[in-house]
Every structure is written in structure tokens, then in C-alpha cells.
Amino acid sequence: MTDRRKKALFILGELNNDDLDWIIQKAKKEILQPGATLIYEGRQIDALYIVLKGTLSVLIDPEGHKELARISGGELVGEISFIDTRPPLATVKAIEETHVLAIPRRQLVTKIQHDTGFASRFYYGISLCLSDRMRGTVRRLEYGRSIDEGDTEEEDVNPSVLDNLALAQAKFNWLMQNARG
């Protein structure tokens, strides 16, 4: 996958059309202005976010001076806190005007509890996303790259996942067009 920031595609590639319809019905599009905080370190979050467009900065330390990563369109935000329910370890702020699709946590948990097919597809997609992120982190540490350098070599994505990426991109585009504000 050439754009390492499109982690939402891993999930979208696994979800079916009914799942996407449910997301559009429950999710709300939010627009963040530059400098606005989406997630505060140490505070519970009440949604899982898909970045539709724009750029966010992931910051740590009490003053938010150390940038860990930049997140742009097609990326997920809040998936780790969704999985383990602990408060986030970082603050996430908008660098520029950023559009996100907020999927309410309570409604997502209820959907997962009552729809095992959705749960299976959702968690498999999350596991692909987190696995890819971990591989990228190890690769950066191994080669001493900064977050600004990105990955210079072609990433080794599972071939079965690659087959889903074109369809996942179409699903992402559909979400962008149909997101309610």
C-alpha cells in the first residue's frame, strides 16, 4: 500500500454495504478548525473517528510539544482506546481544517454486541489496521526514520488485503460523499 496513512481502508475493505449503511446512519461528520483538539490525552473518548480530509497531529507530554505522528484523510483515530477502553495516551489536534466522521462509541458497541457478522468483519479490519501500523513502527525504528520521512521502501502488505484496497477506496469515497454533518 503506497499511502501508509490510509488505515481506514483496512476496515472498510472488510465491511459490507449494509455495514456502511449503518455507519452512515449513526455517524456524524464533524469539521475541526486549525488548532482544535479532537482528543485529549487522559480523557475518555466517545467515538471512533475516520478522517475524511485534512491533517491531525498526535502529540504527547503535558504541553503537547512532542509530535508522534501526523494523520490525514483515510486514517482512523481512537481505535486503540476503543479496543482497550483506557483513556488515550496522546492529544490529537487539527493542523488544518479537518473533516472527520465520528462513529458514536455506545452505538458501535451495541452494534458489535448484537451483530456477530459485523463484529467479526469490524474486528478483523481493526486487527489488519493495527498490524500494519505496528509493522510500520518497527520499520521506522529499525531504520531510524522520523515521522516526516515516511516509508521509502514498498510496504509488504498481505496480497489478500491488497485485493480489497480498490474496493475499500471506493467505499471510503462513498462515505465521504454521504456523510451527514
C-alpha atoms as a PDB file:
ATOM      1  CA  MET A   1       0.000   0.000   0.000  1.00  0.00           C
ATOM      2  CA  THR A   2       1.696   3.156  -1.100  1.00  0.00           C
ATOM      3  CA  ASP A   3      -0.096   5.562   1.243  1.00  0.00           C
ATOM      4  CA  ARG A   4       0.653   4.346   4.752  1.00  0.00           C
ATOM      5  CA  ARG A   5      -1.929   6.720   6.234  1.00  0.00           C
ATOM      6  CA  LYS A   6      -4.993   5.051   4.711  1.00  0.00           C
ATOM      7  CA  LYS A   7      -5.577   2.666   7.612  1.00  0.00           C
ATOM      8  CA  ALA A   8      -9.362   3.087   7.434  1.00  0.00           C
ATOM      9  CA  LEU A   9      -9.188   1.184   4.154  1.00  0.00           C
ATOM     10  CA  PHE A  10      -8.264  -1.976   6.061  1.00  0.00           C
ATOM     11  CA  ILE A  11     -11.567  -1.823   7.933  1.00  0.00           C
ATOM     12  CA  LEU A  12     -13.644  -0.594   5.007  1.00  0.00           C
ATOM     13  CA  GLY A  13     -12.289  -3.415   2.848  1.00  0.00           C
ATOM     14  CA  GLU A  14     -13.801  -5.923   5.275  1.00  0.00           C
ATOM     15  CA  LEU A  15     -17.185  -4.260   5.847  1.00  0.00           C
ATOM     16  CA  ASN A  16     -20.137  -4.949   3.557  1.00  0.00           C
ATOM     17  CA  ASN A  17     -22.645  -2.467   2.132  1.00  0.00           C
ATOM     18  CA  ASP A  18     -25.134  -2.992   4.981  1.00  0.00           C
ATOM     19  CA  ASP A  19     -22.351  -2.194   7.461  1.00  0.00           C
ATOM     20  CA  LEU A  20     -21.554   1.033   5.597  1.00  0.00           C
ATOM     21  CA  ASP A  21     -25.234   1.990   5.513  1.00  0.00           C
ATOM     22  CA  TRP A  22     -25.361   1.523   9.291  1.00  0.00           C
ATOM     23  CA  ILE A  23     -22.251   3.695   9.749  1.00  0.00           C
ATOM     24  CA  ILE A  24     -23.733   6.483   7.622  1.00  0.00           C
ATOM     25  CA  GLN A  25     -26.981   6.337   9.630  1.00  0.00           C
ATOM     26  CA  LYS A  26     -25.219   6.554  13.005  1.00  0.00           C
ATOM     27  CA  ALA A  27     -22.099   8.613  12.308  1.00  0.00           C
ATOM     28  CA  LYS A  28     -21.858  12.377  12.165  1.00  0.00           C
ATOM     29  CA  LYS A  29     -19.463  14.490  10.144  1.00  0.00           C
ATOM     30  CA  GLU A  30     -17.522  16.991  12.253  1.00  0.00           C
ATOM     31  CA  ILE A  31     -15.351  19.841  10.994  1.00  0.00           C
ATOM     32  CA  LEU A  32     -12.334  20.876  13.067  1.00  0.00           C
ATOM     33  CA  GLN A  33     -10.656  24.237  12.597  1.00  0.00           C
ATOM     34  CA  PRO A  34      -6.839  24.544  12.779  1.00  0.00           C
ATOM     35  CA  GLY A  35      -5.690  24.176  16.391  1.00  0.00           C
ATOM     36  CA  ALA A  36      -8.920  22.488  17.551  1.00  0.00           C
ATOM     37  CA  THR A  37      -8.461  19.445  19.790  1.00  0.00           C
ATOM     38  CA  LEU A  38     -10.255  16.244  18.793  1.00  0.00           C
ATOM     39  CA  ILE A  39      -8.873  14.010  21.561  1.00  0.00           C
ATOM     40  CA  TYR A  40      -7.319  14.978  24.891  1.00  0.00           C
ATOM     41  CA  GLU A  41      -4.622  12.834  26.492  1.00  0.00           C
ATOM     42  CA  GLY A  42      -6.044  11.051  29.549  1.00  0.00           C
ATOM     43  CA  ARG A  43      -9.732  11.777  28.776  1.00  0.00           C
ATOM     44  CA  GLN A  44     -12.125   9.086  27.619  1.00  0.00           C
ATOM     45  CA  ILE A  45     -13.361   9.465  24.073  1.00  0.00           C
ATOM     46  CA  ASP A  46     -16.891   8.750  22.967  1.00  0.00           C
ATOM     47  CA  ALA A  47     -16.349   7.984  19.280  1.00  0.00           C
ATOM     48  CA  LEU A  48     -14.202   6.233  16.724  1.00  0.00           C
ATOM     49  CA  TYR A  49     -13.144   8.661  14.005  1.00  0.00           C
ATOM     50  CA  ILE A  50     -12.418   8.268  10.316  1.00  0.00           C
ATOM     51  CA  VAL A  51     -10.502  11.237   8.928  1.00  0.00           C
ATOM     52  CA  LEU A  52     -12.212  12.250   5.687  1.00  0.00           C
ATOM     53  CA  LYS A  53      -9.839  15.083   4.787  1.00  0.00           C
ATOM     54  CA  GLY A  54      -7.341  17.365   6.458  1.00  0.00           C
ATOM     55  CA  THR A  55      -4.417  16.718   8.784  1.00  0.00           C
ATOM     56  CA  LEU A  56      -4.216  15.993  12.503  1.00  0.00           C
ATOM     57  CA  SER A  57      -1.181  15.943  14.789  1.00  0.00           C
ATOM     58  CA  VAL A  58      -0.739  13.299  17.512  1.00  0.00           C
ATOM     59  CA  LEU A  59       1.050  14.901  20.478  1.00  0.00           C
ATOM     60  CA  ILE A  60       2.341  13.732  23.860  1.00  0.00           C
ATOM     61  CA  ASP A  61       3.566  15.427  27.038  1.00  0.00           C
ATOM     62  CA  PRO A  62       1.504  17.798  29.170  1.00  0.00           C
ATOM     63  CA  GLU A  63       2.153  20.787  26.901  1.00  0.00           C
ATOM     64  CA  GLY A  64       1.740  18.746  23.697  1.00  0.00           C
ATOM     65  CA  HIS A  65       5.175  19.637  22.350  1.00  0.00           C
ATOM     66  CA  LYS A  66       6.296  16.215  21.118  1.00  0.00           C
ATOM     67  CA  GLU A  67       4.676  15.137  17.872  1.00  0.00           C
ATOM     68  CA  LEU A  68       4.406  11.379  17.415  1.00  0.00           C
ATOM     69  CA  ALA A  69       2.599  11.279  14.094  1.00  0.00           C
ATOM     70  CA  ARG A  70       0.532  13.118  11.543  1.00  0.00           C
ATOM     71  CA  ILE A  71      -2.786  11.697  10.442  1.00  0.00           C
ATOM     72  CA  SER A  72      -4.519  12.570   7.190  1.00  0.00           C
ATOM     73  CA  GLY A  73      -7.533  11.518   5.135  1.00  0.00           C
ATOM     74  CA  GLY A  74      -8.275   7.810   5.239  1.00  0.00           C
ATOM     75  CA  GLU A  75      -6.785   7.289   8.704  1.00  0.00           C
ATOM     76  CA  LEU A  76      -8.523   6.089  11.882  1.00  0.00           C
ATOM     77  CA  VAL A  77      -8.367   7.912  15.192  1.00  0.00           C
ATOM     78  CA  GLY A  78      -9.373   6.451  18.552  1.00  0.00           C
ATOM     79  CA  GLU A  79      -9.230   2.791  17.589  1.00  0.00           C
ATOM     80  CA  ILE A  80      -6.777   1.829  20.329  1.00  0.00           C
ATOM     81  CA  SER A  81      -8.901   3.402  23.075  1.00  0.00           C
ATOM     82  CA  PHE A  82     -11.946   1.748  21.508  1.00  0.00           C
ATOM     83  CA  ILE A  83     -10.314  -1.678  21.759  1.00  0.00           C
ATOM     84  CA  ASP A  84      -8.887  -1.466  25.286  1.00  0.00           C
ATOM     85  CA  THR A  85     -11.223   1.227  26.752  1.00  0.00           C
ATOM     86  CA  ARG A  86      -8.419   3.039  28.567  1.00  0.00           C
ATOM     87  CA  PRO A  87      -8.029   6.792  28.075  1.00  0.00           C
ATOM     88  CA  PRO A  88      -5.835   7.930  25.176  1.00  0.00           C
ATOM     89  CA  LEU A  89      -2.113   8.380  25.748  1.00  0.00           C
ATOM     90  CA  ALA A  90      -1.911  11.310  23.344  1.00  0.00           C
ATOM     91  CA  THR A  91      -3.688  14.505  22.335  1.00  0.00           C
ATOM     92  CA  VAL A  92      -4.898  14.854  18.748  1.00  0.00           C
ATOM     93  CA  LYS A  93      -5.186  18.351  17.237  1.00  0.00           C
ATOM     94  CA  ALA A  94      -6.101  19.673  13.815  1.00  0.00           C
ATOM     95  CA  ILE A  95      -3.232  21.217  11.856  1.00  0.00           C
ATOM     96  CA  GLU A  96      -5.564  22.478   9.150  1.00  0.00           C
ATOM     97  CA  GLU A  97      -9.318  22.363   8.607  1.00  0.00           C
ATOM     98  CA  THR A  98     -10.095  18.685   9.069  1.00  0.00           C
ATOM     99  CA  HIS A  99     -13.276  16.715   8.401  1.00  0.00           C
ATOM    100  CA  VAL A 100     -13.874  13.563  10.449  1.00  0.00           C
ATOM    101  CA  LEU A 101     -16.670  11.021  10.559  1.00  0.00           C
ATOM    102  CA  ALA A 102     -17.478  10.339  14.232  1.00  0.00           C
ATOM    103  CA  ILE A 103     -18.994   6.911  14.931  1.00  0.00           C
ATOM    104  CA  PRO A 104     -20.516   7.056  18.451  1.00  0.00           C
ATOM    105  CA  ARG A 105     -18.878   4.554  20.792  1.00  0.00           C
ATOM    106  CA  ARG A 106     -22.080   3.413  22.544  1.00  0.00           C
ATOM    107  CA  GLN A 107     -23.887   2.734  19.295  1.00  0.00           C
ATOM    108  CA  LEU A 108     -20.858   0.952  17.845  1.00  0.00           C
ATOM    109  CA  VAL A 109     -20.544  -1.252  20.949  1.00  0.00           C
ATOM    110  CA  THR A 110     -24.259  -2.101  20.787  1.00  0.00           C
ATOM    111  CA  LYS A 111     -23.970  -2.976  17.086  1.00  0.00           C
ATOM    112  CA  ILE A 112     -20.991  -5.230  17.794  1.00  0.00           C
ATOM    113  CA  GLN A 113     -22.826  -6.973  20.650  1.00  0.00           C
ATOM    114  CA  HIS A 114     -25.944  -7.680  18.566  1.00  0.00           C
ATOM    115  CA  ASP A 115     -24.499  -8.338  15.096  1.00  0.00           C
ATOM    116  CA  THR A 116     -21.807 -11.002  15.191  1.00  0.00           C
ATOM    117  CA  GLY A 117     -21.157 -10.772  11.446  1.00  0.00           C
ATOM    118  CA  PHE A 118     -20.471  -7.050  11.731  1.00  0.00           C
ATOM    119  CA  ALA A 119     -18.353  -7.659  14.839  1.00  0.00           C
ATOM    120  CA  SER A 120     -16.235 -10.236  13.031  1.00  0.00           C
ATOM    121  CA  ARG A 121     -15.669  -8.008   9.999  1.00  0.00           C
ATOM    122  CA  PHE A 122     -15.026  -4.914  12.136  1.00  0.00           C
ATOM    123  CA  TYR A 123     -12.515  -6.554  14.481  1.00  0.00           C
ATOM    124  CA  TYR A 124     -10.712  -8.284  11.611  1.00  0.00           C
ATOM    125  CA  GLY A 125     -10.367  -4.906   9.892  1.00  0.00           C
ATOM    126  CA  ILE A 126      -9.104  -3.303  13.121  1.00  0.00           C
ATOM    127  CA  SER A 127      -6.571  -6.112  13.539  1.00  0.00           C
ATOM    128  CA  LEU A 128      -5.291  -5.556   9.975  1.00  0.00           C
ATOM    129  CA  CYS A 129      -5.009  -1.831  10.673  1.00  0.00           C
ATOM    130  CA  LEU A 130      -3.124  -2.277  13.943  1.00  0.00           C
ATOM    131  CA  SER A 131      -0.883  -4.966  12.461  1.00  0.00           C
ATOM    132  CA  ASP A 132       0.062  -2.671   9.586  1.00  0.00           C
ATOM    133  CA  ARG A 133       0.696   0.209  11.982  1.00  0.00           C
ATOM    134  CA  MET A 134       2.933  -1.982  14.165  1.00  0.00           C
ATOM    135  CA  ARG A 135       4.937  -3.137  11.140  1.00  0.00           C
ATOM    136  CA  GLY A 136       5.390   0.494  10.078  1.00  0.00           C
ATOM    137  CA  THR A 137       6.552   1.460  13.564  1.00  0.00           C
ATOM    138  CA  VAL A 138       9.073  -1.378  13.680  1.00  0.00           C
ATOM    139  CA  ARG A 139      10.303  -0.460  10.189  1.00  0.00           C
ATOM    140  CA  ARG A 140      10.808   3.187  11.217  1.00  0.00           C
ATOM    141  CA  LEU A 141      12.620   2.177  14.419  1.00  0.00           C
ATOM    142  CA  GLU A 142      14.774  -0.319  12.545  1.00  0.00           C
ATOM    143  CA  TYR A 143      15.905   2.253  10.013  1.00  0.00           C
ATOM    144  CA  GLY A 144      15.911   5.278  12.323  1.00  0.00           C
ATOM    145  CA  ARG A 145      13.356   7.210  10.289  1.00  0.00           C
ATOM    146  CA  SER A 146      11.446  10.172  11.632  1.00  0.00           C
ATOM    147  CA  ILE A 147       7.685  10.522  11.208  1.00  0.00           C
ATOM    148  CA  ASP A 148       8.265  13.084   8.458  1.00  0.00           C
ATOM    149  CA  GLU A 149      10.334  10.715   6.313  1.00  0.00           C
ATOM    150  CA  GLY A 150       7.626   8.084   5.907  1.00  0.00           C
ATOM    151  CA  ASP A 151       8.349   4.710   4.378  1.00  0.00           C
ATOM    152  CA  THR A 152      10.787   4.794   1.492  1.00  0.00           C
ATOM    153  CA  GLU A 153      10.536   1.143   0.538  1.00  0.00           C
ATOM    154  CA  GLU A 154       7.431  -0.606  -0.749  1.00  0.00           C
ATOM    155  CA  GLU A 155       5.430  -1.962   2.153  1.00  0.00           C
ATOM    156  CA  ASP A 156       4.784  -5.680   2.277  1.00  0.00           C
ATOM    157  CA  VAL A 157       1.006  -5.847   2.501  1.00  0.00           C
ATOM    158  CA  ASN A 158      -0.733  -9.209   2.551  1.00  0.00           C
ATOM    159  CA  PRO A 159      -1.865  -9.991  -1.051  1.00  0.00           C
ATOM    160  CA  SER A 160      -5.429 -10.791   0.070  1.00  0.00           C
ATOM    161  CA  VAL A 161      -5.608  -7.353   1.687  1.00  0.00           C
ATOM    162  CA  LEU A 162      -4.275  -5.720  -1.487  1.00  0.00           C
ATOM    163  CA  ASP A 163      -7.170  -7.244  -3.425  1.00  0.00           C
ATOM    164  CA  ASN A 164      -9.629  -5.381  -1.172  1.00  0.00           C
ATOM    165  CA  LEU A 165      -7.941  -1.968  -1.330  1.00  0.00           C
ATOM    166  CA  ALA A 166      -9.517  -0.723  -4.568  1.00  0.00           C
ATOM    167  CA  LEU A 167     -12.973  -1.636  -3.285  1.00  0.00           C
ATOM    168  CA  ALA A 168     -12.123  -0.125   0.102  1.00  0.00           C
ATOM    169  CA  GLN A 169     -11.108   3.145  -1.581  1.00  0.00           C
ATOM    170  CA  ALA A 170     -14.473   3.225  -3.370  1.00  0.00           C
ATOM    171  CA  LYS A 171     -16.212   2.645  -0.018  1.00  0.00           C
ATOM    172  CA  PHE A 172     -14.195   5.476   1.547  1.00  0.00           C
ATOM    173  CA  ASN A 173     -15.197   7.803  -1.292  1.00  0.00           C
ATOM    174  CA  TRP A 174     -18.842   6.791  -0.786  1.00  0.00           C
ATOM    175  CA  LEU A 175     -18.585   7.583   2.943  1.00  0.00           C
ATOM    176  CA  MET A 176     -17.106  11.000   2.144  1.00  0.00           C
ATOM    177  CA  GLN A 177     -19.967  11.804  -0.222  1.00  0.00           C
ATOM    178  CA  ASN A 178     -22.734  10.546   2.066  1.00  0.00           C
ATOM    179  CA  ALA A 179     -21.504  11.694   5.497  1.00  0.00           C
ATOM    180  CA  ARG A 180     -24.081  13.782   7.341  1.00  0.00           C
ATOM    181  CA  GLY A 181     -22.997  16.973   9.079  1.00  0.00           C
END
